[in-house]
Structure formats: C-alpha cells, structure tokens
Amino acid sequence: MTAIPQILIAALGNLPMPLTRHSLGQYVLDAMAIRLGIRMSSDRKGIIGQGIMTLGDTPVSLILYKSKSFMNMSGPSIAEVYRTSVKSPNTMIVLQDSMSHKVEQLSVKLGGSANGHNGVKSIISSIGGEQGFYRFRLGIGERGGTDAANFVMGKLTPHEREFWTEEGLDRVLEAIEIVAQKAAR
C-alpha cells in the first residue's frame, strides 16, 4: 500500500492587510480551508490547519499555513513548519501573488529563483538556499501606470475574490492533486 503523500501549502501575504493583491495567497488558502473543511487555528507564529482528504482520485494529507509575520519576513516561520512536517522541498507549495501573470491566471513552477519576490526570497534564505519547492503564482496582472507598492496593496475586486474562491480555487486544487500524485510515486 502506498503512503498518503503529505503536502505543505504555505500562503504568502500580510495578515493585517487581507483582501489586497499582495495577500492573494492567504486569501486562496482561506478559501481552500473553507472548501475542504480544514479547521485553522492560531499559534504563536502563524495560523495552521491539517486534514486528510481526497483530491480527484488522490488521497493527500494537507498542512495549510500562513505566517503572522509580514510577507518579506515570513520565511523563518514557514521554514519551521517545513522542517517539522514534509522535510522535502518538492512537497511544499507556496501560494504567491504575481504581477508577471495575467489577472486570474495560475502558473505552477517547480524550483527556480525568487524572481524578485521578497516573500519567496525569505523562504529560500530560511530553508538554507533550497529552491526546489513549488510556486503557485497567482496572477494579479501588471500595475499599468500605478506605483508597484500601491498596486499590490490595492484591494482585490469583487470579481477577483469570486474567481479565486470558485474557478481559480478549482484550478489550484487540480494542480495540488498533480503534486500529490508525483509525491506518491
């Protein structure tokens, strides 16, 4: 019998600034917890939940986590959960916002550099330079003529919120199933 793969899903964002483009990862994680019936609870460094479920045809043990630290300093708390749970980079998924991707686009990437994303830089640094984890890049679009900081701190539109709790979340869960299938091999 094959062991049930365990996947850590760490969401980037800033807890005090929910519903902003920069906190889209945490917004999607919250929607996921609700959809899957995973109870989230607060500890000293973050908010965590765990559950065993079936995604498609694949049983998987999911650990959902979001740091209480600001995004750019969230690496140490995410690394702590990583080290005490999955311990293998290819079983960690980071949900992050991405200005390099169109609004409502999901792009999955295994490994590589932080591509300028300070939250991802913090994680890479905190897990000893390891880059072999999955990035689920959630498209927020380009900033147009707006300053990047103002753009990412702008509120998600009602349409974006609806998309990421419905169709976008479906896409994320399908991609998690693929990661779980690979981890089960």
N, C-alpha and C. Protein backbone atom coordinates (compact mmCIF):
# COMPACT_ATOMS: atom_id res chain seq x y z
N MET A 1 0.84 -1.19 0.00
CA MET A 1 0.00 0.00 0.00
C MET A 1 0.89 1.25 0.00
N THR A 2 0.55 2.20 -0.81
CA THR A 2 1.31 3.44 -0.94
C THR A 2 0.95 4.39 0.20
N ALA A 3 1.96 5.03 0.75
CA ALA A 3 1.72 6.02 1.82
C ALA A 3 1.00 7.23 1.23
N ILE A 4 0.17 7.84 2.06
CA ILE A 4 -0.52 9.06 1.64
C ILE A 4 0.50 10.20 1.64
N PRO A 5 0.66 10.89 0.52
CA PRO A 5 1.63 11.99 0.50
C PRO A 5 1.17 13.15 1.39
N GLN A 6 2.15 13.77 2.02
CA GLN A 6 1.87 14.94 2.85
C GLN A 6 2.41 16.16 2.12
N ILE A 7 1.55 17.17 1.97
CA ILE A 7 1.89 18.38 1.24
C ILE A 7 1.70 19.58 2.17
N LEU A 8 2.72 20.43 2.25
CA LEU A 8 2.63 21.69 2.98
C LEU A 8 2.28 22.78 1.98
N ILE A 9 1.23 23.52 2.28
CA ILE A 9 0.85 24.66 1.45
C ILE A 9 1.01 25.91 2.30
N ALA A 10 2.02 26.71 1.97
CA ALA A 10 2.31 27.95 2.69
C ALA A 10 1.84 29.12 1.84
N ALA A 11 1.06 29.99 2.44
CA ALA A 11 0.50 31.11 1.69
C ALA A 11 1.18 32.41 2.08
N LEU A 12 1.62 33.15 1.08
CA LEU A 12 2.24 34.44 1.33
C LEU A 12 1.19 35.55 1.36
N GLY A 13 1.44 36.52 2.21
CA GLY A 13 0.55 37.66 2.35
C GLY A 13 0.88 38.41 3.63
N ASN A 14 0.08 39.40 3.92
CA ASN A 14 0.23 40.18 5.14
C ASN A 14 -1.10 40.11 5.90
N LEU A 15 -1.11 39.39 7.01
CA LEU A 15 -2.35 39.19 7.77
C LEU A 15 -3.10 40.49 8.07
N PRO A 16 -2.39 41.57 8.46
CA PRO A 16 -3.14 42.79 8.77
C PRO A 16 -3.74 43.48 7.54
N MET A 17 -3.41 42.98 6.34
CA MET A 17 -3.90 43.59 5.11
C MET A 17 -4.58 42.55 4.22
N PRO A 18 -5.69 41.97 4.71
CA PRO A 18 -6.37 40.95 3.90
C PRO A 18 -7.06 41.61 2.71
N LEU A 19 -7.41 40.79 1.77
CA LEU A 19 -8.15 41.22 0.57
C LEU A 19 -7.37 42.16 -0.34
N THR A 20 -6.04 42.25 -0.14
CA THR A 20 -5.21 43.01 -1.06
C THR A 20 -4.58 42.05 -2.06
N ARG A 21 -4.14 42.57 -3.18
CA ARG A 21 -3.47 41.74 -4.18
C ARG A 21 -2.25 41.04 -3.58
N HIS A 22 -1.53 41.74 -2.71
CA HIS A 22 -0.32 41.19 -2.11
C HIS A 22 -0.63 40.02 -1.16
N SER A 23 -1.85 39.97 -0.65
CA SER A 23 -2.25 38.89 0.26
C SER A 23 -3.12 37.85 -0.44
N LEU A 24 -3.07 37.81 -1.78
CA LEU A 24 -3.90 36.86 -2.51
C LEU A 24 -3.61 35.41 -2.12
N GLY A 25 -2.35 35.08 -1.87
CA GLY A 25 -2.02 33.71 -1.45
C GLY A 25 -2.78 33.31 -0.20
N GLN A 26 -2.82 34.21 0.78
CA GLN A 26 -3.54 33.90 2.03
C GLN A 26 -5.05 33.85 1.78
N TYR A 27 -5.55 34.68 0.89
CA TYR A 27 -6.97 34.66 0.56
C TYR A 27 -7.35 33.30 -0.03
N VAL A 28 -6.54 32.80 -0.95
CA VAL A 28 -6.80 31.50 -1.58
C VAL A 28 -6.69 30.38 -0.54
N LEU A 29 -5.72 30.45 0.35
CA LEU A 29 -5.57 29.44 1.40
C LEU A 29 -6.81 29.42 2.29
N ASP A 30 -7.32 30.58 2.66
CA ASP A 30 -8.53 30.64 3.49
C ASP A 30 -9.71 30.00 2.76
N ALA A 31 -9.86 30.31 1.47
CA ALA A 31 -10.94 29.72 0.68
C ALA A 31 -10.79 28.21 0.60
N MET A 32 -9.54 27.74 0.48
CA MET A 32 -9.26 26.31 0.42
C MET A 32 -9.65 25.63 1.74
N ALA A 33 -9.27 26.24 2.85
CA ALA A 33 -9.61 25.67 4.15
C ALA A 33 -11.13 25.53 4.31
N ILE A 34 -11.86 26.55 3.90
CA ILE A 34 -13.32 26.50 3.99
C ILE A 34 -13.87 25.40 3.08
N ARG A 35 -13.43 25.38 1.83
CA ARG A 35 -13.92 24.38 0.87
C ARG A 35 -13.65 22.96 1.33
N LEU A 36 -12.44 22.72 1.89
CA LEU A 36 -12.05 21.37 2.26
C LEU A 36 -12.44 21.00 3.70
N GLY A 37 -12.98 21.97 4.44
CA GLY A 37 -13.39 21.70 5.82
C GLY A 37 -12.21 21.54 6.76
N ILE A 38 -11.11 22.23 6.49
CA ILE A 38 -9.94 22.18 7.37
C ILE A 38 -10.03 23.33 8.37
N ARG A 39 -10.05 22.98 9.63
CA ARG A 39 -10.12 23.98 10.70
C ARG A 39 -8.75 24.60 10.91
N MET A 40 -8.69 25.90 10.84
CA MET A 40 -7.43 26.64 11.03
C MET A 40 -7.39 27.13 12.46
N SER A 41 -6.19 27.06 13.06
CA SER A 41 -6.03 27.58 14.42
C SER A 41 -4.74 28.38 14.51
N SER A 42 -4.76 29.33 15.43
CA SER A 42 -3.64 30.25 15.59
C SER A 42 -2.64 29.69 16.59
N ASP A 43 -1.36 29.84 16.27
CA ASP A 43 -0.31 29.58 17.24
C ASP A 43 0.56 30.83 17.31
N ARG A 44 1.67 30.75 17.97
CA ARG A 44 2.50 31.92 18.20
C ARG A 44 2.97 32.58 16.91
N LYS A 45 3.35 31.79 15.92
CA LYS A 45 3.98 32.34 14.71
C LYS A 45 3.09 32.33 13.48
N GLY A 46 1.96 31.64 13.53
CA GLY A 46 1.15 31.56 12.32
C GLY A 46 -0.22 30.97 12.57
N ILE A 47 -0.89 30.70 11.48
CA ILE A 47 -2.21 30.08 11.51
C ILE A 47 -2.09 28.81 10.68
N ILE A 48 -2.47 27.68 11.27
CA ILE A 48 -2.21 26.37 10.67
C ILE A 48 -3.43 25.47 10.76
N GLY A 49 -3.57 24.59 9.79
CA GLY A 49 -4.62 23.59 9.79
C GLY A 49 -4.13 22.37 9.05
N GLN A 50 -4.73 21.22 9.35
CA GLN A 50 -4.30 19.98 8.71
C GLN A 50 -5.50 19.07 8.51
N GLY A 51 -5.47 18.33 7.41
CA GLY A 51 -6.54 17.38 7.14
C GLY A 51 -6.13 16.39 6.07
N ILE A 52 -6.76 15.22 6.14
CA ILE A 52 -6.55 14.19 5.11
C ILE A 52 -7.81 14.18 4.26
N MET A 53 -7.63 14.27 2.97
CA MET A 53 -8.77 14.29 2.05
C MET A 53 -8.39 13.67 0.73
N THR A 54 -9.37 13.56 -0.14
CA THR A 54 -9.12 13.05 -1.48
C THR A 54 -9.33 14.19 -2.47
N LEU A 55 -8.31 14.46 -3.26
CA LEU A 55 -8.41 15.45 -4.34
C LEU A 55 -8.47 14.67 -5.63
N GLY A 56 -9.58 14.76 -6.35
CA GLY A 56 -9.77 13.90 -7.51
C GLY A 56 -9.82 12.48 -7.03
N ASP A 57 -8.85 11.67 -7.47
CA ASP A 57 -8.76 10.28 -7.01
C ASP A 57 -7.59 10.07 -6.05
N THR A 58 -6.95 11.16 -5.64
CA THR A 58 -5.70 11.05 -4.88
C THR A 58 -5.89 11.43 -3.41
N PRO A 59 -5.68 10.47 -2.50
CA PRO A 59 -5.71 10.83 -1.08
C PRO A 59 -4.44 11.63 -0.74
N VAL A 60 -4.59 12.66 0.08
CA VAL A 60 -3.46 13.52 0.42
C VAL A 60 -3.67 14.09 1.82
N SER A 61 -2.57 14.22 2.54
CA SER A 61 -2.57 14.90 3.83
C SER A 61 -2.07 16.32 3.58
N LEU A 62 -2.93 17.30 3.85
CA LEU A 62 -2.56 18.70 3.60
C LEU A 62 -2.30 19.42 4.91
N ILE A 63 -1.24 20.21 4.92
CA ILE A 63 -0.97 21.14 6.01
C ILE A 63 -1.07 22.53 5.38
N LEU A 64 -1.99 23.34 5.88
CA LEU A 64 -2.17 24.70 5.38
C LEU A 64 -1.56 25.65 6.40
N TYR A 65 -0.78 26.63 5.93
CA TYR A 65 -0.09 27.52 6.85
C TYR A 65 0.02 28.92 6.29
N LYS A 66 -0.21 29.90 7.16
CA LYS A 66 0.11 31.28 6.83
C LYS A 66 0.77 31.92 8.04
N SER A 67 1.86 32.61 7.77
CA SER A 67 2.67 33.23 8.80
C SER A 67 2.00 34.50 9.33
N LYS A 68 2.25 34.78 10.61
CA LYS A 68 1.80 36.05 11.18
C LYS A 68 2.79 37.17 10.89
N SER A 69 3.99 36.81 10.42
CA SER A 69 4.99 37.82 10.06
C SER A 69 4.59 38.47 8.75
N PHE A 70 5.08 39.68 8.54
CA PHE A 70 4.87 40.30 7.24
C PHE A 70 5.54 39.44 6.17
N MET A 71 5.00 39.50 4.96
CA MET A 71 5.44 38.62 3.89
C MET A 71 6.95 38.58 3.71
N ASN A 72 7.59 39.72 3.69
CA ASN A 72 9.03 39.77 3.42
C ASN A 72 9.87 39.14 4.53
N MET A 73 9.25 38.84 5.67
CA MET A 73 9.96 38.21 6.79
C MET A 73 9.29 36.90 7.22
N SER A 74 8.49 36.32 6.35
CA SER A 74 7.73 35.13 6.71
C SER A 74 8.52 33.83 6.56
N GLY A 75 9.67 33.88 5.92
CA GLY A 75 10.47 32.68 5.70
C GLY A 75 10.80 31.87 6.93
N PRO A 76 11.28 32.48 8.04
CA PRO A 76 11.63 31.67 9.20
C PRO A 76 10.47 30.84 9.76
N SER A 77 9.28 31.41 9.86
CA SER A 77 8.16 30.63 10.41
C SER A 77 7.71 29.55 9.42
N ILE A 78 7.75 29.84 8.13
CA ILE A 78 7.40 28.83 7.13
C ILE A 78 8.44 27.71 7.15
N ALA A 79 9.72 28.06 7.27
CA ALA A 79 10.79 27.06 7.33
C ALA A 79 10.63 26.15 8.54
N GLU A 80 10.18 26.71 9.65
CA GLU A 80 9.98 25.90 10.86
C GLU A 80 8.91 24.83 10.63
N VAL A 81 7.80 25.22 10.02
CA VAL A 81 6.73 24.25 9.72
C VAL A 81 7.23 23.24 8.69
N TYR A 82 7.96 23.70 7.70
CA TYR A 82 8.53 22.82 6.67
C TYR A 82 9.41 21.75 7.32
N ARG A 83 10.29 22.16 8.21
CA ARG A 83 11.23 21.22 8.83
C ARG A 83 10.55 20.21 9.76
N THR A 84 9.43 20.59 10.33
CA THR A 84 8.75 19.68 11.26
C THR A 84 7.63 18.88 10.58
N SER A 85 7.46 19.08 9.28
CA SER A 85 6.39 18.34 8.61
C SER A 85 6.94 17.60 7.39
N VAL A 86 6.93 18.21 6.25
CA VAL A 86 7.22 17.50 5.00
C VAL A 86 8.70 17.22 4.76
N LYS A 87 9.58 18.12 5.12
CA LYS A 87 11.03 17.95 5.03
C LYS A 87 11.59 17.77 3.62
N SER A 88 10.77 17.70 2.61
CA SER A 88 11.24 17.55 1.24
C SER A 88 10.70 18.73 0.42
N PRO A 89 11.57 19.45 -0.27
CA PRO A 89 11.10 20.66 -0.97
C PRO A 89 10.02 20.40 -2.00
N ASN A 90 10.05 19.24 -2.67
CA ASN A 90 9.04 19.02 -3.71
C ASN A 90 7.67 18.63 -3.14
N THR A 91 7.53 18.70 -1.82
CA THR A 91 6.21 18.50 -1.20
C THR A 91 5.77 19.78 -0.47
N MET A 92 6.39 20.90 -0.83
CA MET A 92 5.95 22.19 -0.32
C MET A 92 5.49 23.05 -1.49
N ILE A 93 4.33 23.67 -1.30
CA ILE A 93 3.76 24.58 -2.29
C ILE A 93 3.65 25.95 -1.64
N VAL A 94 4.10 26.97 -2.33
CA VAL A 94 3.96 28.35 -1.85
C VAL A 94 2.96 29.05 -2.76
N LEU A 95 1.90 29.58 -2.16
CA LEU A 95 0.90 30.37 -2.89
C LEU A 95 1.36 31.82 -2.82
N GLN A 96 1.61 32.42 -3.97
CA GLN A 96 2.13 33.79 -4.01
C GLN A 96 1.42 34.60 -5.08
N ASP A 97 1.35 35.91 -4.86
CA ASP A 97 0.84 36.81 -5.89
C ASP A 97 1.92 36.99 -6.95
N SER A 98 1.49 37.30 -8.18
CA SER A 98 2.46 37.50 -9.25
C SER A 98 1.99 38.59 -10.21
N MET A 99 2.76 39.67 -10.27
CA MET A 99 2.47 40.73 -11.25
C MET A 99 2.91 40.31 -12.65
N SER A 100 3.70 39.26 -12.76
CA SER A 100 4.19 38.78 -14.06
C SER A 100 3.15 37.94 -14.79
N HIS A 101 2.02 37.67 -14.14
CA HIS A 101 0.99 36.83 -14.74
C HIS A 101 -0.33 37.59 -14.80
N LYS A 102 -1.08 37.32 -15.84
CA LYS A 102 -2.36 37.99 -16.04
C LYS A 102 -3.30 37.74 -14.87
N VAL A 103 -4.21 38.67 -14.65
CA VAL A 103 -5.22 38.52 -13.62
C VAL A 103 -5.93 37.19 -13.83
N GLU A 104 -6.12 36.47 -12.73
CA GLU A 104 -6.85 35.20 -12.71
C GLU A 104 -6.11 34.08 -13.42
N GLN A 105 -4.82 34.20 -13.59
CA GLN A 105 -4.02 33.13 -14.20
C GLN A 105 -3.26 32.41 -13.09
N LEU A 106 -3.23 31.08 -13.15
CA LEU A 106 -2.42 30.28 -12.25
C LEU A 106 -1.25 29.73 -13.04
N SER A 107 -0.04 29.95 -12.53
CA SER A 107 1.16 29.41 -13.15
C SER A 107 1.89 28.59 -12.08
N VAL A 108 2.13 27.33 -12.39
CA VAL A 108 2.81 26.43 -11.45
C VAL A 108 4.24 26.24 -11.91
N LYS A 109 5.17 26.39 -10.97
CA LYS A 109 6.59 26.24 -11.29
C LYS A 109 7.27 25.49 -10.15
N LEU A 110 8.11 24.53 -10.50
CA LEU A 110 8.91 23.81 -9.51
C LEU A 110 10.32 24.36 -9.57
N GLY A 111 10.77 24.92 -8.44
CA GLY A 111 12.13 25.41 -8.34
C GLY A 111 12.35 26.73 -9.05
N GLY A 112 13.61 27.13 -9.04
CA GLY A 112 14.00 28.39 -9.68
C GLY A 112 14.21 29.50 -8.66
N SER A 113 14.55 30.65 -9.17
CA SER A 113 14.86 31.78 -8.29
C SER A 113 13.57 32.41 -7.77
N ALA A 114 13.73 33.37 -6.90
CA ALA A 114 12.58 34.09 -6.33
C ALA A 114 11.96 35.05 -7.34
N ASN A 115 12.67 35.32 -8.42
CA ASN A 115 12.18 36.22 -9.47
C ASN A 115 11.75 37.58 -8.89
N GLY A 116 12.52 38.07 -7.92
CA GLY A 116 12.26 39.38 -7.35
C GLY A 116 11.20 39.42 -6.26
N HIS A 117 10.57 38.28 -5.95
CA HIS A 117 9.50 38.26 -4.94
C HIS A 117 10.14 38.11 -3.55
N ASN A 118 10.02 39.15 -2.73
CA ASN A 118 10.69 39.16 -1.43
C ASN A 118 10.20 38.09 -0.48
N GLY A 119 8.93 37.72 -0.55
CA GLY A 119 8.42 36.64 0.30
C GLY A 119 9.08 35.32 -0.06
N VAL A 120 9.22 35.05 -1.35
CA VAL A 120 9.87 33.82 -1.79
C VAL A 120 11.36 33.86 -1.44
N LYS A 121 11.99 35.03 -1.58
CA LYS A 121 13.40 35.18 -1.18
C LYS A 121 13.58 34.81 0.30
N SER A 122 12.66 35.26 1.14
CA SER A 122 12.72 34.98 2.58
C SER A 122 12.64 33.47 2.85
N ILE A 123 11.77 32.79 2.11
CA ILE A 123 11.64 31.33 2.29
C ILE A 123 12.92 30.63 1.84
N ILE A 124 13.42 30.97 0.66
CA ILE A 124 14.63 30.34 0.14
C ILE A 124 15.78 30.52 1.13
N SER A 125 15.96 31.73 1.63
CA SER A 125 17.02 32.00 2.59
C SER A 125 16.83 31.18 3.87
N SER A 126 15.60 31.08 4.34
CA SER A 126 15.32 30.41 5.61
C SER A 126 15.43 28.90 5.54
N ILE A 127 15.30 28.33 4.35
CA ILE A 127 15.48 26.87 4.24
C ILE A 127 16.84 26.54 3.63
N GLY A 128 17.79 27.43 3.86
CA GLY A 128 19.18 27.15 3.51
C GLY A 128 19.50 27.24 2.03
N GLY A 129 18.78 28.08 1.29
CA GLY A 129 19.07 28.26 -0.13
C GLY A 129 18.35 27.27 -1.02
N GLU A 130 17.61 26.35 -0.45
CA GLU A 130 16.86 25.37 -1.23
C GLU A 130 15.80 26.07 -2.07
N GLN A 131 15.76 25.73 -3.35
CA GLN A 131 14.80 26.38 -4.25
C GLN A 131 13.83 25.38 -4.89
N GLY A 132 13.92 24.10 -4.53
CA GLY A 132 13.16 23.06 -5.21
C GLY A 132 11.74 22.86 -4.74
N PHE A 133 11.08 23.93 -4.31
CA PHE A 133 9.67 23.81 -3.92
C PHE A 133 8.79 24.40 -5.02
N TYR A 134 7.52 24.09 -4.95
CA TYR A 134 6.57 24.58 -5.95
C TYR A 134 6.14 26.00 -5.64
N ARG A 135 6.06 26.78 -6.70
CA ARG A 135 5.47 28.12 -6.61
C ARG A 135 4.17 28.09 -7.40
N PHE A 136 3.08 28.39 -6.72
CA PHE A 136 1.80 28.56 -7.39
C PHE A 136 1.63 30.07 -7.50
N ARG A 137 1.95 30.59 -8.69
CA ARG A 137 1.93 32.03 -8.91
C ARG A 137 0.53 32.44 -9.35
N LEU A 138 -0.11 33.23 -8.51
CA LEU A 138 -1.49 33.66 -8.71
C LEU A 138 -1.46 35.04 -9.36
N GLY A 139 -1.91 35.10 -10.60
CA GLY A 139 -1.80 36.33 -11.37
C GLY A 139 -2.65 37.47 -10.85
N ILE A 140 -1.99 38.61 -10.65
CA ILE A 140 -2.70 39.83 -10.26
C ILE A 140 -2.60 40.89 -11.36
N GLY A 141 -1.89 40.58 -12.43
CA GLY A 141 -1.77 41.50 -13.55
C GLY A 141 -0.68 42.53 -13.36
N GLU A 142 -0.46 43.29 -14.40
CA GLU A 142 0.55 44.35 -14.36
C GLU A 142 -0.05 45.61 -13.76
N ARG A 143 0.79 46.43 -13.22
CA ARG A 143 0.33 47.60 -12.48
C ARG A 143 -0.10 48.78 -13.35
N GLY A 144 0.12 48.68 -14.65
CA GLY A 144 -0.22 49.81 -15.52
C GLY A 144 0.65 51.00 -15.16
N GLY A 145 0.06 52.16 -14.96
CA GLY A 145 0.82 53.35 -14.61
C GLY A 145 0.97 53.55 -13.12
N THR A 146 0.47 52.62 -12.34
CA THR A 146 0.46 52.75 -10.89
C THR A 146 1.80 52.30 -10.30
N ASP A 147 2.21 52.93 -9.21
CA ASP A 147 3.37 52.51 -8.44
C ASP A 147 3.16 51.06 -7.99
N ALA A 148 4.20 50.23 -8.09
CA ALA A 148 4.08 48.80 -7.76
C ALA A 148 3.58 48.58 -6.33
N ALA A 149 4.12 49.32 -5.36
CA ALA A 149 3.69 49.14 -3.96
C ALA A 149 2.21 49.47 -3.80
N ASN A 150 1.76 50.56 -4.39
CA ASN A 150 0.35 50.92 -4.29
C ASN A 150 -0.53 49.89 -5.00
N PHE A 151 -0.03 49.38 -6.12
CA PHE A 151 -0.81 48.40 -6.87
C PHE A 151 -1.02 47.12 -6.06
N VAL A 152 0.08 46.55 -5.52
CA VAL A 152 -0.07 45.28 -4.80
C VAL A 152 -0.85 45.44 -3.49
N MET A 153 -0.82 46.64 -2.92
CA MET A 153 -1.58 46.87 -1.69
C MET A 153 -3.03 47.26 -1.98
N GLY A 154 -3.38 47.37 -3.26
CA GLY A 154 -4.76 47.66 -3.64
C GLY A 154 -5.66 46.47 -3.35
N LYS A 155 -6.91 46.76 -3.14
CA LYS A 155 -7.90 45.72 -2.81
C LYS A 155 -8.23 44.86 -4.03
N LEU A 156 -8.46 43.58 -3.78
CA LEU A 156 -8.98 42.69 -4.80
C LEU A 156 -10.39 43.15 -5.16
N THR A 157 -10.75 43.07 -6.41
CA THR A 157 -12.10 43.45 -6.82
C THR A 157 -13.07 42.34 -6.40
N PRO A 158 -14.35 42.65 -6.30
CA PRO A 158 -15.32 41.58 -6.01
C PRO A 158 -15.23 40.42 -7.02
N HIS A 159 -14.99 40.75 -8.29
CA HIS A 159 -14.85 39.70 -9.30
C HIS A 159 -13.64 38.81 -9.02
N GLU A 160 -12.50 39.43 -8.67
CA GLU A 160 -11.30 38.64 -8.36
C GLU A 160 -11.54 37.74 -7.15
N ARG A 161 -12.18 38.27 -6.13
CA ARG A 161 -12.46 37.46 -4.93
C ARG A 161 -13.35 36.27 -5.29
N GLU A 162 -14.37 36.51 -6.11
CA GLU A 162 -15.26 35.43 -6.51
C GLU A 162 -14.49 34.39 -7.33
N PHE A 163 -13.66 34.86 -8.27
CA PHE A 163 -12.90 33.94 -9.11
C PHE A 163 -12.02 33.02 -8.25
N TRP A 164 -11.28 33.58 -7.29
CA TRP A 164 -10.33 32.78 -6.51
C TRP A 164 -11.00 31.91 -5.45
N THR A 165 -12.29 32.12 -5.20
CA THR A 165 -12.99 31.19 -4.29
C THR A 165 -13.76 30.13 -5.07
N GLU A 166 -13.85 30.29 -6.38
CA GLU A 166 -14.59 29.33 -7.21
C GLU A 166 -13.66 28.70 -8.26
N GLU A 167 -13.68 29.21 -9.48
CA GLU A 167 -12.92 28.63 -10.58
C GLU A 167 -11.41 28.62 -10.32
N GLY A 168 -10.88 29.72 -9.80
CA GLY A 168 -9.45 29.77 -9.51
C GLY A 168 -9.05 28.75 -8.47
N LEU A 169 -9.88 28.60 -7.43
CA LEU A 169 -9.59 27.59 -6.40
C LEU A 169 -9.67 26.19 -6.99
N ASP A 170 -10.62 25.94 -7.89
CA ASP A 170 -10.68 24.64 -8.57
C ASP A 170 -9.36 24.35 -9.27
N ARG A 171 -8.81 25.35 -9.96
CA ARG A 171 -7.54 25.18 -10.68
C ARG A 171 -6.39 24.88 -9.71
N VAL A 172 -6.38 25.60 -8.59
CA VAL A 172 -5.34 25.38 -7.58
C VAL A 172 -5.42 23.96 -7.03
N LEU A 173 -6.63 23.51 -6.71
CA LEU A 173 -6.81 22.15 -6.17
C LEU A 173 -6.41 21.08 -7.18
N GLU A 174 -6.71 21.30 -8.46
CA GLU A 174 -6.29 20.35 -9.50
C GLU A 174 -4.77 20.28 -9.58
N ALA A 175 -4.11 21.42 -9.46
CA ALA A 175 -2.65 21.45 -9.50
C ALA A 175 -2.05 20.78 -8.26
N ILE A 176 -2.70 20.95 -7.10
CA ILE A 176 -2.23 20.29 -5.88
C ILE A 176 -2.35 18.78 -6.05
N GLU A 177 -3.42 18.31 -6.67
CA GLU A 177 -3.58 16.88 -6.91
C GLU A 177 -2.42 16.33 -7.74
N ILE A 178 -1.98 17.07 -8.75
CA ILE A 178 -0.85 16.64 -9.59
C ILE A 178 0.42 16.54 -8.75
N VAL A 179 0.66 17.53 -7.88
CA VAL A 179 1.82 17.50 -6.99
C VAL A 179 1.74 16.28 -6.08
N ALA A 180 0.54 16.00 -5.53
CA ALA A 180 0.36 14.85 -4.63
C ALA A 180 0.59 13.53 -5.37
N GLN A 181 0.13 13.44 -6.61
CA GLN A 181 0.36 12.21 -7.40
C GLN A 181 1.85 11.99 -7.61
N LYS A 182 2.59 13.04 -7.90
CA LYS A 182 4.05 12.92 -8.08
C LYS A 182 4.72 12.50 -6.76
N ALA A 183 4.26 13.08 -5.65
CA ALA A 183 4.85 12.76 -4.34
C ALA A 183 4.56 11.33 -3.92
N ALA A 184 3.45 10.75 -4.40
CA ALA A 184 3.06 9.38 -4.02
C ALA A 184 3.88 8.33 -4.77
N ARG A 185 4.55 8.72 -5.84
CA ARG A 185 5.32 7.75 -6.64
C ARG A 185 6.59 7.34 -5.97
